[in-house]
Amino acid sequence: MSERDTSAAEVAGSGASYYTRQATGLVREISVGSNIALNVSFVSLPLAALVATEAPFSFPGANPFWVTVICVVLCIVPTLLYGMLTKVMPRSGGDYVFVSRTIHPWLGFAANFNISAWYLLVIAYFGYLLAPFGFSPAFTTLGVATHNKTFIQWGATLGTSKLWGFVIGAIILVLCGALMSLSLRRALRIFGVIFLFSLLSVVLSIIVLAIHGRSDFISSVAAFGGNYHTIITDAHKAGYAGSATFSFKNTILAMPLAFASFGYAIVSAYAGGEVRSARTRSLRAMLYSLAISGVLVALLMALALRTFGNDFLGSATFLSNTGSKLYPFGSPAFFFFFVSMVAHNPVLIGVINFSYIAAYVVALPATFLIVSRNLFAWSFDRVLPDRVSDVNEKTHSPIKANVIILIATLVYLVLIIWGTTGFLEIFYTAGIAELLTFFVVAVTGILFPVLRRELYERSPIRGSFLGVPIISLVGIGALIIYALFFYPLATNDVLGANTTLGWVVTGVIAGIGILGYPISYLLNRRRGVDLSLAFKQLPPE
């Protein structure tokens, strides 16, 4: 018998041989606490805090508090969808497994490749943001508080230097790759310490804003070389429409800004094969994470409106984002920068800023984990070469997958910093592109009871309301909510998510994902392996 015939016989004769091996090699190390921490970190409180400045700037009259509250309530439904599907299919790969085992492997790979490629961009973008939005305001506020001109100069340099932006971003990305190549138990311990420290930025910000009112902040603005009322006046004269008057319409249109955070309390869905008691605990951990993040950010937004004022937040961001010479501060307009301005105490300022930097950093391991487990799942199903799913015997980590991610994110980082301005702007396009995958997942939830009836009937999510399966109702609700977030991004020019370049990049990435599976199918067929057989059952644990 030839080598090709032997390979084909092995695949036909044993379910285990559909995959690269009989067991994944991954270990269930993610406890309930780590599960919640990973999900909260992926929500990313620093990214959520952008609502305070970007919402009133991009959508004048939008109220950051109501943007947050409404978005969190709506996000309960899609979070339920991911949690319910994880109950049935707790495997590495998340929506890749959900879609490939329910509708078709081709669609499953294309949808998951699409979101993974954009997650890589997000990892690199977070690395890029550390210098201008992390270290720059830290040194600027410390410099003013201590009357240290060197710190002030460092803050100004870090806010604009491309080289330092790359150096800091690259160091963080390499450290993140190294962390995720340790054993998951050790990595989660280190991650847990950084995560707890990162929460100090939120807790201390709440305390500072609760103590200091509008008059204190006006005085702080003056100490930093600006004038509170002049900033508002200058922005209005320069063309900013103003946010002194509440706009319900713009509050709704601004929700995609909040969805960029609260729509992502779903990390454990992608690492289902490593979550302890995933069938019973993953959904609760996702919902707890959404609730915790929502309450904290809503409180921050309410205090921001009280202390800073919505019109000031929009006006300062307008001057900062448009590069106006009338913007008086050395660091970009940002929520935690304004908190630091009113804190005064150097020690307090230092803790707030460096714990806030930690909040940026903790978002990286969670995103890294998602993409590495997606690559692992593709390889385990033989869509990618077998070696990509190799697991180190000592650490039980897919180190080769981690290396691929690190290289890709470093390339993205170079393009973000030294590429065209348009490349930087397509960050908001990620919202449109990722929602395309979420649409597919919503349809999967709707069809799951029909297409996988046997699996549904013996699953913990079986149940109906008025004769309709509950998961189908949740899928319909998620589809509607995703469309509600998609529409403003696709039709509103303010955020630049719908630029021609953005649509082109979205199409290219989606196209690569669409071509990937059939190419792999043909290559596997040449060596006598029917790739489709692996998708007739759930992968082993």
Protein backbone atom coordinates (compact mmCIF):
# COMPACT_ATOMS: atom_id res chain seq x y z
CA MET A 1 0.00 0.00 0.00
CA SER A 2 1.32 3.42 -0.94
CA GLU A 3 1.95 6.22 1.57
CA ARG A 4 -1.06 8.11 0.19
CA ASP A 5 -3.33 5.05 0.55
CA THR A 6 -2.11 4.48 4.10
CA SER A 7 -2.87 8.06 5.04
CA ALA A 8 -6.36 7.83 3.59
CA ALA A 9 -7.02 4.51 5.34
CA GLU A 10 -5.94 5.94 8.67
CA VAL A 11 -8.32 8.85 8.29
CA ALA A 12 -11.20 6.62 7.27
CA GLY A 13 -10.55 4.13 10.03
CA SER A 14 -10.23 6.26 13.12
CA GLY A 15 -12.06 9.36 14.27
CA ALA A 16 -9.00 10.47 16.20
CA SER A 17 -6.91 10.55 13.03
CA TYR A 18 -9.07 13.29 11.58
CA TYR A 19 -7.01 15.55 13.84
CA THR A 20 -3.30 16.04 14.33
CA ARG A 21 -3.41 13.83 17.46
CA GLN A 22 -5.86 12.21 19.90
CA ALA A 23 -5.68 14.97 22.54
CA THR A 24 -4.98 18.69 22.34
CA GLY A 25 -2.25 18.72 24.98
CA LEU A 26 -3.81 21.82 26.53
CA VAL A 27 -4.64 21.81 30.24
CA ARG A 28 -7.71 23.20 32.02
CA GLU A 29 -5.92 25.87 34.03
CA ILE A 30 -8.39 28.76 33.79
CA SER A 31 -10.28 29.09 37.08
CA VAL A 32 -13.45 31.14 37.59
CA GLY A 33 -11.43 34.09 38.91
CA SER A 34 -8.97 34.00 36.00
CA ASN A 35 -11.89 33.58 33.61
CA ILE A 36 -13.52 36.78 34.86
CA ALA A 37 -10.20 38.66 34.91
CA LEU A 38 -9.44 37.66 31.30
CA ASN A 39 -12.88 38.73 30.13
CA VAL A 40 -12.72 42.08 31.99
CA SER A 41 -9.24 42.73 30.57
CA PHE A 42 -10.46 41.98 27.03
CA VAL A 43 -13.33 44.43 27.55
CA SER A 44 -10.47 46.86 28.26
CA LEU A 45 -11.36 49.63 30.67
CA PRO A 46 -8.92 52.10 29.01
CA LEU A 47 -10.66 51.53 25.68
CA ALA A 48 -14.04 51.95 27.36
CA ALA A 49 -12.83 55.23 28.88
CA LEU A 50 -12.45 56.57 25.32
CA VAL A 51 -16.24 56.96 25.37
CA ALA A 52 -15.78 59.95 27.72
CA THR A 53 -13.84 61.92 25.12
CA GLU A 54 -14.61 60.39 21.73
CA ALA A 55 -18.41 60.21 22.12
CA PRO A 56 -19.00 63.96 22.74
CA PHE A 57 -16.34 64.80 20.11
CA SER A 58 -17.55 62.50 17.32
CA PHE A 59 -21.25 62.74 18.16
CA PRO A 60 -21.93 66.19 19.73
CA GLY A 61 -24.57 65.96 22.42
CA ALA A 62 -23.98 62.25 23.06
CA ASN A 63 -24.01 61.49 26.78
CA PRO A 64 -21.16 59.08 27.73
CA PHE A 65 -23.08 57.75 30.74
CA TRP A 66 -26.13 56.73 28.71
CA VAL A 67 -23.98 55.49 25.85
CA THR A 68 -22.37 53.11 28.36
CA VAL A 69 -25.52 52.00 30.15
CA ILE A 70 -27.58 51.33 27.02
CA CYS A 71 -24.71 49.52 25.33
CA VAL A 72 -24.03 47.27 28.34
CA VAL A 73 -27.71 46.27 28.55
CA LEU A 74 -27.81 45.46 24.83
CA CYS A 75 -24.56 43.47 25.01
CA ILE A 76 -26.14 41.01 27.45
CA VAL A 77 -27.81 39.27 24.51
CA PRO A 78 -24.76 38.56 22.31
CA THR A 79 -22.78 37.62 25.43
CA LEU A 80 -25.52 35.10 26.24
CA LEU A 81 -25.18 33.71 22.72
CA TYR A 82 -21.44 33.08 23.05
CA GLY A 83 -21.92 31.64 26.53
CA MET A 84 -24.65 29.25 25.44
CA LEU A 85 -22.67 27.99 22.46
CA THR A 86 -19.65 27.49 24.75
CA LYS A 87 -21.81 25.31 26.99
CA VAL A 88 -22.33 22.97 24.05
CA MET A 89 -18.89 23.21 22.43
CA PRO A 90 -16.26 24.12 25.05
CA ARG A 91 -13.25 23.84 22.75
CA SER A 92 -10.35 26.01 21.67
CA GLY A 93 -11.26 28.27 18.77
CA GLY A 94 -14.61 29.63 19.95
CA ASP A 95 -16.71 30.79 17.01
CA TYR A 96 -14.50 28.77 14.63
CA VAL A 97 -15.78 25.59 16.26
CA PHE A 98 -19.35 26.91 16.66
CA VAL A 99 -19.75 27.77 12.98
CA SER A 100 -17.66 24.98 11.42
CA ARG A 101 -19.52 22.26 13.36
CA THR A 102 -22.95 23.80 12.78
CA ILE A 103 -23.12 25.37 9.31
CA HIS A 104 -19.97 24.54 7.31
CA PRO A 105 -16.18 24.38 7.93
CA TRP A 106 -15.56 26.77 5.03
CA LEU A 107 -17.71 29.48 6.62
CA GLY A 108 -16.33 28.68 10.07
CA PHE A 109 -12.74 29.20 8.97
CA ALA A 110 -13.49 32.31 6.90
CA ALA A 111 -15.39 34.00 9.73
CA ASN A 112 -12.81 33.11 12.36
CA PHE A 113 -9.86 34.07 10.16
CA ASN A 114 -11.49 37.44 9.59
CA ILE A 115 -11.87 38.28 13.26
CA SER A 116 -8.44 36.86 14.15
CA ALA A 117 -6.71 39.08 11.58
CA TRP A 118 -8.40 42.14 13.06
CA TYR A 119 -7.60 41.05 16.61
CA LEU A 120 -3.94 41.06 15.57
CA LEU A 121 -4.35 44.68 14.51
CA VAL A 122 -5.91 45.48 17.89
CA ILE A 123 -2.95 43.92 19.73
CA ALA A 124 -0.52 46.06 17.73
CA TYR A 125 -2.68 49.15 18.14
CA PHE A 126 -2.71 48.75 21.93
CA GLY A 127 1.07 48.48 21.83
CA TYR A 128 1.17 51.71 19.82
CA LEU A 129 -1.17 53.56 22.24
CA LEU A 130 1.07 52.97 25.25
CA ALA A 131 3.42 55.86 24.45
CA PRO A 132 0.97 58.68 23.55
CA PHE A 133 -1.90 57.67 25.86
CA GLY A 134 0.00 55.90 28.64
CA PHE A 135 3.49 57.15 29.33
CA SER A 136 3.04 60.63 27.83
CA PRO A 137 0.24 61.79 30.18
CA ALA A 138 1.98 60.05 33.09
CA PHE A 139 5.16 62.10 32.72
CA THR A 140 3.30 65.29 31.76
CA THR A 141 1.11 65.28 34.88
CA LEU A 142 3.99 64.21 37.12
CA GLY A 143 6.11 67.00 35.66
CA VAL A 144 3.50 69.66 36.36
CA ALA A 145 2.80 68.33 39.87
CA THR A 146 6.50 68.27 40.79
CA HIS A 147 7.54 71.28 38.67
CA ASN A 148 9.96 69.00 36.84
CA LYS A 149 10.65 70.29 33.31
CA THR A 150 12.41 67.08 32.33
CA PHE A 151 9.28 65.01 32.99
CA ILE A 152 7.21 67.53 31.03
CA GLN A 153 9.61 67.26 28.11
CA TRP A 154 9.51 63.46 28.27
CA GLY A 155 5.73 63.61 28.20
CA ALA A 156 5.76 65.82 25.11
CA THR A 157 8.32 63.60 23.36
CA LEU A 158 6.50 60.35 24.09
CA GLY A 159 3.27 61.87 22.83
CA THR A 160 4.71 62.51 19.37
CA SER A 161 7.84 60.37 18.83
CA LYS A 162 7.36 57.52 16.35
CA LEU A 163 10.60 55.84 17.39
CA TRP A 164 9.69 55.75 21.08
CA GLY A 165 6.20 54.61 20.14
CA PHE A 166 7.70 51.64 18.32
CA VAL A 167 10.29 50.83 20.99
CA ILE A 168 7.77 50.81 23.83
CA GLY A 169 5.16 48.95 21.78
CA ALA A 170 7.64 46.33 20.55
CA ILE A 171 8.99 45.68 24.06
CA ILE A 172 5.47 45.14 25.40
CA LEU A 173 4.53 42.83 22.52
CA VAL A 174 7.67 40.70 22.98
CA LEU A 175 7.07 40.46 26.74
CA CYS A 176 3.47 39.48 26.08
CA GLY A 177 4.55 36.76 23.67
CA ALA A 178 7.01 35.46 26.24
CA LEU A 179 4.35 35.51 28.97
CA MET A 180 1.87 33.52 26.89
CA SER A 181 4.57 30.94 26.12
CA LEU A 182 4.93 30.04 29.79
CA SER A 183 2.69 27.42 31.31
CA LEU A 184 -0.83 28.84 31.43
CA ARG A 185 -0.93 28.48 35.22
CA ARG A 186 2.23 30.56 35.66
CA ALA A 187 1.15 33.07 33.00
CA LEU A 188 -2.21 33.54 34.72
CA ARG A 189 -0.52 34.16 38.07
CA ILE A 190 1.60 36.94 36.58
CA PHE A 191 -1.39 38.24 34.65
CA GLY A 192 -3.48 38.24 37.83
CA VAL A 193 -1.02 40.46 39.68
CA ILE A 194 -0.89 42.97 36.79
CA PHE A 195 -4.69 42.85 36.48
CA LEU A 196 -5.25 43.66 40.16
CA PHE A 197 -2.76 46.53 39.94
CA SER A 198 -4.54 47.83 36.83
CA LEU A 199 -7.81 48.14 38.76
CA LEU A 200 -6.21 50.81 40.95
CA SER A 201 -6.54 53.30 38.07
CA VAL A 202 -10.30 52.85 38.12
CA VAL A 203 -10.73 52.80 41.90
CA LEU A 204 -8.51 55.83 42.46
CA SER A 205 -10.14 57.72 39.58
CA ILE A 206 -13.54 57.18 41.17
CA ILE A 207 -12.25 58.50 44.50
CA VAL A 208 -10.49 61.51 42.94
CA LEU A 209 -13.51 62.52 40.86
CA ALA A 210 -15.87 62.01 43.80
CA ILE A 211 -13.77 64.40 45.91
CA HIS A 212 -13.07 67.09 43.30
CA GLY A 213 -15.79 69.07 41.55
CA ARG A 214 -15.93 71.32 38.51
CA SER A 215 -14.28 74.32 40.20
CA ASP A 216 -11.29 72.18 41.22
CA PHE A 217 -10.88 70.98 37.65
CA ILE A 218 -11.09 74.53 36.26
CA SER A 219 -8.23 75.47 38.59
CA SER A 220 -6.25 72.42 37.46
CA VAL A 221 -6.68 73.36 33.81
CA ALA A 222 -5.19 76.77 34.61
CA ALA A 223 -2.24 75.12 36.40
CA PHE A 224 -1.53 73.16 33.21
CA GLY A 225 -1.46 76.35 31.13
CA GLY A 226 -5.00 76.36 29.80
CA ASN A 227 -8.30 78.08 30.42
CA TYR A 228 -11.38 75.89 30.84
CA HIS A 229 -13.86 78.27 29.22
CA THR A 230 -11.46 79.41 26.50
CA ILE A 231 -10.94 75.79 25.38
CA ILE A 232 -14.69 75.42 24.88
CA THR A 233 -14.98 78.79 23.11
CA ASP A 234 -12.01 78.10 20.82
CA ALA A 235 -13.38 74.68 19.82
CA HIS A 236 -16.81 76.13 19.01
CA LYS A 237 -15.25 78.90 16.92
CA ALA A 238 -13.16 76.32 15.06
CA GLY A 239 -16.25 74.36 14.04
CA TYR A 240 -17.10 72.03 16.92
CA ALA A 241 -20.90 71.77 17.26
CA GLY A 242 -20.79 71.45 21.05
CA SER A 243 -22.13 68.93 23.58
CA ALA A 244 -23.82 71.21 26.09
CA THR A 245 -27.25 70.02 24.89
CA PHE A 246 -28.20 66.34 25.16
CA SER A 247 -28.89 64.49 21.90
CA PHE A 248 -30.63 61.13 22.14
CA LYS A 249 -29.98 60.44 18.45
CA ASN A 250 -26.22 60.97 18.79
CA THR A 251 -26.17 58.97 22.03
CA ILE A 252 -27.50 55.99 20.08
CA LEU A 253 -25.16 56.62 17.15
CA ALA A 254 -22.18 56.71 19.55
CA MET A 255 -22.85 53.22 20.92
CA PRO A 256 -20.34 51.47 18.63
CA LEU A 257 -17.64 53.28 20.63
CA ALA A 258 -18.85 51.48 23.75
CA PHE A 259 -19.48 48.21 21.91
CA ALA A 260 -15.76 48.15 21.05
CA SER A 261 -15.33 47.29 24.73
CA PHE A 262 -18.52 45.76 26.12
CA GLY A 263 -19.17 43.52 23.14
CA TYR A 264 -16.06 41.50 23.96
CA ALA A 265 -16.56 39.86 27.36
CA ILE A 266 -16.09 36.54 25.54
CA VAL A 267 -12.45 35.46 25.91
CA SER A 268 -13.34 32.15 27.57
CA ALA A 269 -15.30 31.11 24.48
CA TYR A 270 -12.03 30.91 22.54
CA ALA A 271 -10.16 29.06 25.28
CA GLY A 272 -13.02 26.72 26.20
CA GLY A 273 -10.69 23.72 26.22
CA GLU A 274 -8.70 25.27 29.08
CA VAL A 275 -11.53 26.57 31.27
CA ARG A 276 -12.35 24.54 34.36
CA SER A 277 -15.99 23.35 34.26
CA ALA A 278 -16.49 25.31 31.05
CA ARG A 279 -20.01 23.96 30.46
CA THR A 280 -21.29 25.32 33.75
CA ARG A 281 -19.11 28.34 34.51
CA SER A 282 -18.14 30.08 31.26
CA LEU A 283 -21.49 31.79 30.69
CA ARG A 284 -21.65 33.08 34.26
CA ALA A 285 -18.09 34.38 34.05
CA MET A 286 -18.88 36.24 30.82
CA LEU A 287 -21.98 37.88 32.29
CA TYR A 288 -20.19 38.74 35.55
CA SER A 289 -17.39 40.35 33.53
CA LEU A 290 -19.84 42.41 31.50
CA ALA A 291 -21.65 43.55 34.66
CA ILE A 292 -18.46 44.46 36.54
CA SER A 293 -17.04 46.40 33.60
CA GLY A 294 -20.33 48.13 32.91
CA VAL A 295 -20.85 49.32 36.48
CA LEU A 296 -17.29 50.63 36.81
CA VAL A 297 -17.30 52.49 33.50
CA ALA A 298 -20.80 53.90 33.99
CA LEU A 299 -19.71 55.30 37.36
CA LEU A 300 -16.59 56.81 35.76
CA MET A 301 -18.69 58.39 33.01
CA ALA A 302 -21.16 59.90 35.49
CA LEU A 303 -18.34 61.40 37.54
CA ALA A 304 -16.59 62.67 34.39
CA LEU A 305 -19.70 64.58 33.35
CA ARG A 306 -19.96 66.08 36.84
CA THR A 307 -16.30 67.11 37.15
CA PHE A 308 -15.19 67.82 33.58
CA GLY A 309 -18.44 68.60 31.78
CA ASN A 310 -19.58 67.07 28.50
CA ASP A 311 -18.94 70.20 26.45
CA PHE A 312 -15.38 70.50 27.75
CA LEU A 313 -14.66 66.84 27.00
CA GLY A 314 -15.87 67.23 23.42
CA SER A 315 -14.17 70.61 22.92
CA ALA A 316 -10.78 69.54 24.29
CA THR A 317 -10.86 66.36 22.23
CA PHE A 318 -11.82 68.36 19.13
CA LEU A 319 -8.79 70.63 19.51
CA SER A 320 -6.51 67.70 20.36
CA ASN A 321 -7.67 65.39 17.55
CA THR A 322 -7.57 68.10 14.89
CA GLY A 323 -4.04 69.12 15.88
CA SER A 324 -5.09 72.68 16.70
CA LYS A 325 -2.41 75.01 18.08
CA LEU A 326 -5.09 76.24 20.50
CA TYR A 327 -4.92 72.94 22.39
CA PRO A 328 -2.93 73.93 25.49
CA PHE A 329 -1.72 70.60 26.93
CA GLY A 330 1.37 68.49 26.25
CA SER A 331 -0.54 65.18 26.07
CA PRO A 332 -3.55 64.14 23.97
CA ALA A 333 -7.06 64.66 25.40
CA PHE A 334 -7.99 61.56 27.34
CA PHE A 335 -10.07 60.65 30.37
CA PHE A 336 -7.27 59.46 32.67
CA PHE A 337 -5.09 62.43 31.70
CA PHE A 338 -7.81 64.78 32.95
CA VAL A 339 -8.18 62.71 36.13
CA SER A 340 -4.44 63.06 36.76
CA MET A 341 -4.65 66.82 36.24
CA VAL A 342 -7.06 67.19 39.16
CA ALA A 343 -5.30 64.65 41.43
CA HIS A 344 -2.41 67.03 42.34
CA ASN A 345 -0.52 64.60 44.61
CA PRO A 346 2.56 63.23 42.72
CA VAL A 347 2.35 59.78 44.34
CA LEU A 348 -1.35 59.52 43.55
CA ILE A 349 -0.75 60.73 40.00
CA GLY A 350 2.00 58.14 39.54
CA VAL A 351 -0.14 55.26 40.82
CA ILE A 352 -3.15 56.26 38.70
CA ASN A 353 -1.10 56.59 35.53
CA PHE A 354 1.07 53.52 35.86
CA SER A 355 -1.85 51.34 36.95
CA TYR A 356 -3.70 52.71 33.93
CA ILE A 357 -0.75 51.67 31.75
CA ALA A 358 -1.07 48.23 33.33
CA ALA A 359 -4.74 48.22 32.26
CA TYR A 360 -3.57 48.63 28.68
CA VAL A 361 -1.04 45.86 29.09
CA VAL A 362 -3.47 43.30 30.55
CA ALA A 363 -5.66 43.56 27.45
CA LEU A 364 -2.82 42.09 25.38
CA PRO A 365 -2.52 38.59 26.93
CA ALA A 366 -6.28 38.04 26.58
CA THR A 367 -6.22 39.00 22.90
CA PHE A 368 -3.01 37.01 22.38
CA LEU A 369 -4.71 33.99 23.97
CA ILE A 370 -7.69 34.24 21.62
CA VAL A 371 -5.66 34.36 18.41
CA SER A 372 -3.22 31.65 19.50
CA ARG A 373 -6.12 29.29 20.30
CA ASN A 374 -7.71 30.06 16.94
CA LEU A 375 -4.48 29.21 15.13
CA PHE A 376 -4.20 26.10 17.28
CA ALA A 377 -7.75 25.00 16.40
CA TRP A 378 -7.19 25.50 12.65
CA SER A 379 -4.02 23.44 12.80
CA PHE A 380 -5.60 20.76 14.98
CA ASP A 381 -8.25 20.31 12.27
CA ARG A 382 -5.43 20.19 9.67
CA VAL A 383 -6.52 23.41 7.94
CA LEU A 384 -3.06 24.79 8.79
CA PRO A 385 0.14 22.70 8.92
CA ASP A 386 0.28 20.30 11.87
CA ARG A 387 3.27 22.02 13.45
CA VAL A 388 1.27 25.16 14.28
CA SER A 389 -0.66 23.19 16.90
CA ASP A 390 2.46 21.74 18.52
CA VAL A 391 2.29 22.10 22.30
CA ASN A 392 5.46 22.38 24.35
CA GLU A 393 5.78 19.35 26.64
CA LYS A 394 6.83 21.43 29.67
CA THR A 395 4.59 24.49 29.37
CA HIS A 396 1.64 22.97 27.45
CA SER A 397 1.60 26.18 25.38
CA PRO A 398 1.40 26.46 21.57
CA ILE A 399 4.71 28.29 21.27
CA LYS A 400 4.88 28.15 17.46
CA ALA A 401 1.47 29.77 17.21
CA ASN A 402 2.64 32.44 19.66
CA VAL A 403 5.69 33.19 17.52
CA ILE A 404 3.49 33.63 14.43
CA ILE A 405 1.31 36.11 16.34
CA LEU A 406 4.30 38.06 17.65
CA ILE A 407 5.78 38.46 14.16
CA ALA A 408 2.42 39.52 12.71
CA THR A 409 1.78 42.11 15.44
CA LEU A 410 5.27 43.60 15.08
CA VAL A 411 4.65 44.02 11.34
CA TYR A 412 1.30 45.67 12.12
CA LEU A 413 3.05 47.97 14.62
CA VAL A 414 5.51 49.15 11.97
CA LEU A 415 2.66 49.83 9.54
CA ILE A 416 0.67 51.74 12.17
CA ILE A 417 3.58 53.99 13.12
CA TRP A 418 5.38 54.48 9.79
CA GLY A 419 2.67 53.52 7.32
CA THR A 420 0.13 55.84 5.76
CA THR A 421 -2.21 57.88 7.92
CA GLY A 422 -5.04 55.86 6.42
CA PHE A 423 -3.70 52.65 7.95
CA LEU A 424 -3.91 54.18 11.41
CA GLU A 425 -7.48 55.29 10.76
CA ILE A 426 -8.72 51.82 9.82
CA PHE A 427 -8.63 50.93 13.51
CA TYR A 428 -12.28 51.94 13.62
CA THR A 429 -12.92 49.78 10.57
CA ALA A 430 -12.12 46.82 12.83
CA GLY A 431 -15.56 47.35 14.36
CA ILE A 432 -17.25 46.86 10.99
CA ALA A 433 -15.08 43.88 10.04
CA GLU A 434 -15.44 42.05 13.36
CA LEU A 435 -19.21 42.52 13.28
CA LEU A 436 -19.25 40.54 10.02
CA THR A 437 -18.02 37.54 12.01
CA PHE A 438 -20.50 38.24 14.79
CA PHE A 439 -23.33 38.19 12.22
CA VAL A 440 -22.27 34.68 11.22
CA VAL A 441 -22.21 33.56 14.86
CA ALA A 442 -25.71 34.99 15.41
CA VAL A 443 -27.01 33.01 12.41
CA THR A 444 -25.27 29.93 13.82
CA GLY A 445 -27.19 30.34 17.08
CA ILE A 446 -30.46 30.69 15.18
CA LEU A 447 -29.88 27.54 13.08
CA PHE A 448 -28.11 25.35 15.65
CA PRO A 449 -31.25 23.51 16.92
CA VAL A 450 -32.16 22.61 13.32
CA LEU A 451 -28.78 21.80 11.79
CA ARG A 452 -27.37 19.99 14.85
CA ARG A 453 -30.61 18.68 16.31
CA GLU A 454 -29.10 15.60 17.99
CA LEU A 455 -26.37 17.63 19.71
CA TYR A 456 -28.92 20.29 20.69
CA GLU A 457 -31.35 17.73 22.21
CA ARG A 458 -28.70 16.37 24.57
CA SER A 459 -27.14 19.75 25.37
CA PRO A 460 -27.58 21.87 28.53
CA ILE A 461 -29.10 24.72 26.48
CA ARG A 462 -32.14 22.87 25.15
CA GLY A 463 -35.37 24.65 25.95
CA SER A 464 -37.98 26.72 24.17
CA PHE A 465 -40.28 29.69 24.53
CA LEU A 466 -43.60 29.54 22.70
CA GLY A 467 -42.24 26.60 20.75
CA VAL A 468 -39.11 28.41 19.55
CA PRO A 469 -35.70 27.25 20.87
CA ILE A 470 -34.32 29.80 23.32
CA ILE A 471 -30.91 29.85 21.65
CA SER A 472 -32.61 30.69 18.34
CA LEU A 473 -34.36 33.63 20.01
CA VAL A 474 -31.07 34.75 21.53
CA GLY A 475 -29.45 34.46 18.09
CA ILE A 476 -32.18 36.60 16.52
CA GLY A 477 -31.77 39.20 19.28
CA ALA A 478 -27.98 39.21 18.81
CA LEU A 479 -28.37 39.63 15.05
CA ILE A 480 -30.58 42.70 15.54
CA ILE A 481 -28.23 44.22 18.14
CA TYR A 482 -25.17 43.62 15.98
CA ALA A 483 -26.97 45.37 13.11
CA LEU A 484 -27.71 48.29 15.44
CA PHE A 485 -23.97 48.67 16.11
CA PHE A 486 -23.00 48.04 12.49
CA TYR A 487 -25.23 50.69 10.92
CA PRO A 488 -23.63 53.83 12.46
CA LEU A 489 -20.14 52.57 11.65
CA ALA A 490 -21.03 51.78 8.05
CA THR A 491 -23.00 54.96 7.33
CA ASN A 492 -21.47 57.68 9.53
CA ASP A 493 -18.28 59.35 8.29
CA VAL A 494 -17.27 60.85 11.65
CA LEU A 495 -15.17 57.93 12.91
CA GLY A 496 -13.76 57.09 9.49
CA ALA A 497 -14.69 53.41 9.82
CA ASN A 498 -16.29 53.42 6.38
CA THR A 499 -13.48 54.93 4.32
CA THR A 500 -12.66 53.48 0.93
CA LEU A 501 -9.37 52.15 2.31
CA GLY A 502 -11.22 50.57 5.22
CA TRP A 503 -13.66 48.74 2.94
CA VAL A 504 -10.79 47.58 0.71
CA VAL A 505 -8.82 46.18 3.66
CA THR A 506 -12.00 44.54 5.00
CA GLY A 507 -12.58 42.92 1.62
CA VAL A 508 -8.98 41.73 1.27
CA ILE A 509 -8.88 40.14 4.72
CA ALA A 510 -12.30 38.52 4.24
CA GLY A 511 -11.18 37.30 0.81
CA ILE A 512 -8.07 35.64 2.22
CA GLY A 513 -10.22 33.86 4.77
CA ILE A 514 -12.65 32.70 2.08
CA LEU A 515 -9.81 31.30 -0.06
CA GLY A 516 -7.96 29.70 2.85
CA TYR A 517 -10.20 26.69 3.45
CA PRO A 518 -10.59 25.45 -0.15
CA ILE A 519 -6.85 25.79 -0.73
CA SER A 520 -6.17 23.72 2.40
CA TYR A 521 -8.86 21.22 1.36
CA LEU A 522 -7.20 20.64 -2.01
CA LEU A 523 -3.71 20.34 -0.51
CA ASN A 524 -4.93 17.81 2.05
CA ARG A 525 -6.79 15.87 -0.63
CA ARG A 526 -3.55 15.51 -2.60
CA ARG A 527 -2.05 13.64 0.36
CA GLY A 528 -5.14 11.48 0.79
CA VAL A 529 -6.83 13.33 3.65
CA ASP A 530 -10.48 14.34 3.42
CA LEU A 531 -10.45 17.57 5.43
CA SER A 532 -14.23 17.67 5.74
CA LEU A 533 -14.38 14.51 7.87
CA ALA A 534 -12.93 16.29 10.92
CA PHE A 535 -15.90 18.64 11.04
CA LYS A 536 -18.54 15.96 11.43
CA GLN A 537 -17.81 15.79 15.15
CA LEU A 538 -16.43 17.97 17.92
CA PRO A 539 -12.62 17.95 18.24
CA PRO A 540 -11.22 15.99 21.20
CA GLU A 541 -10.28 17.78 24.42
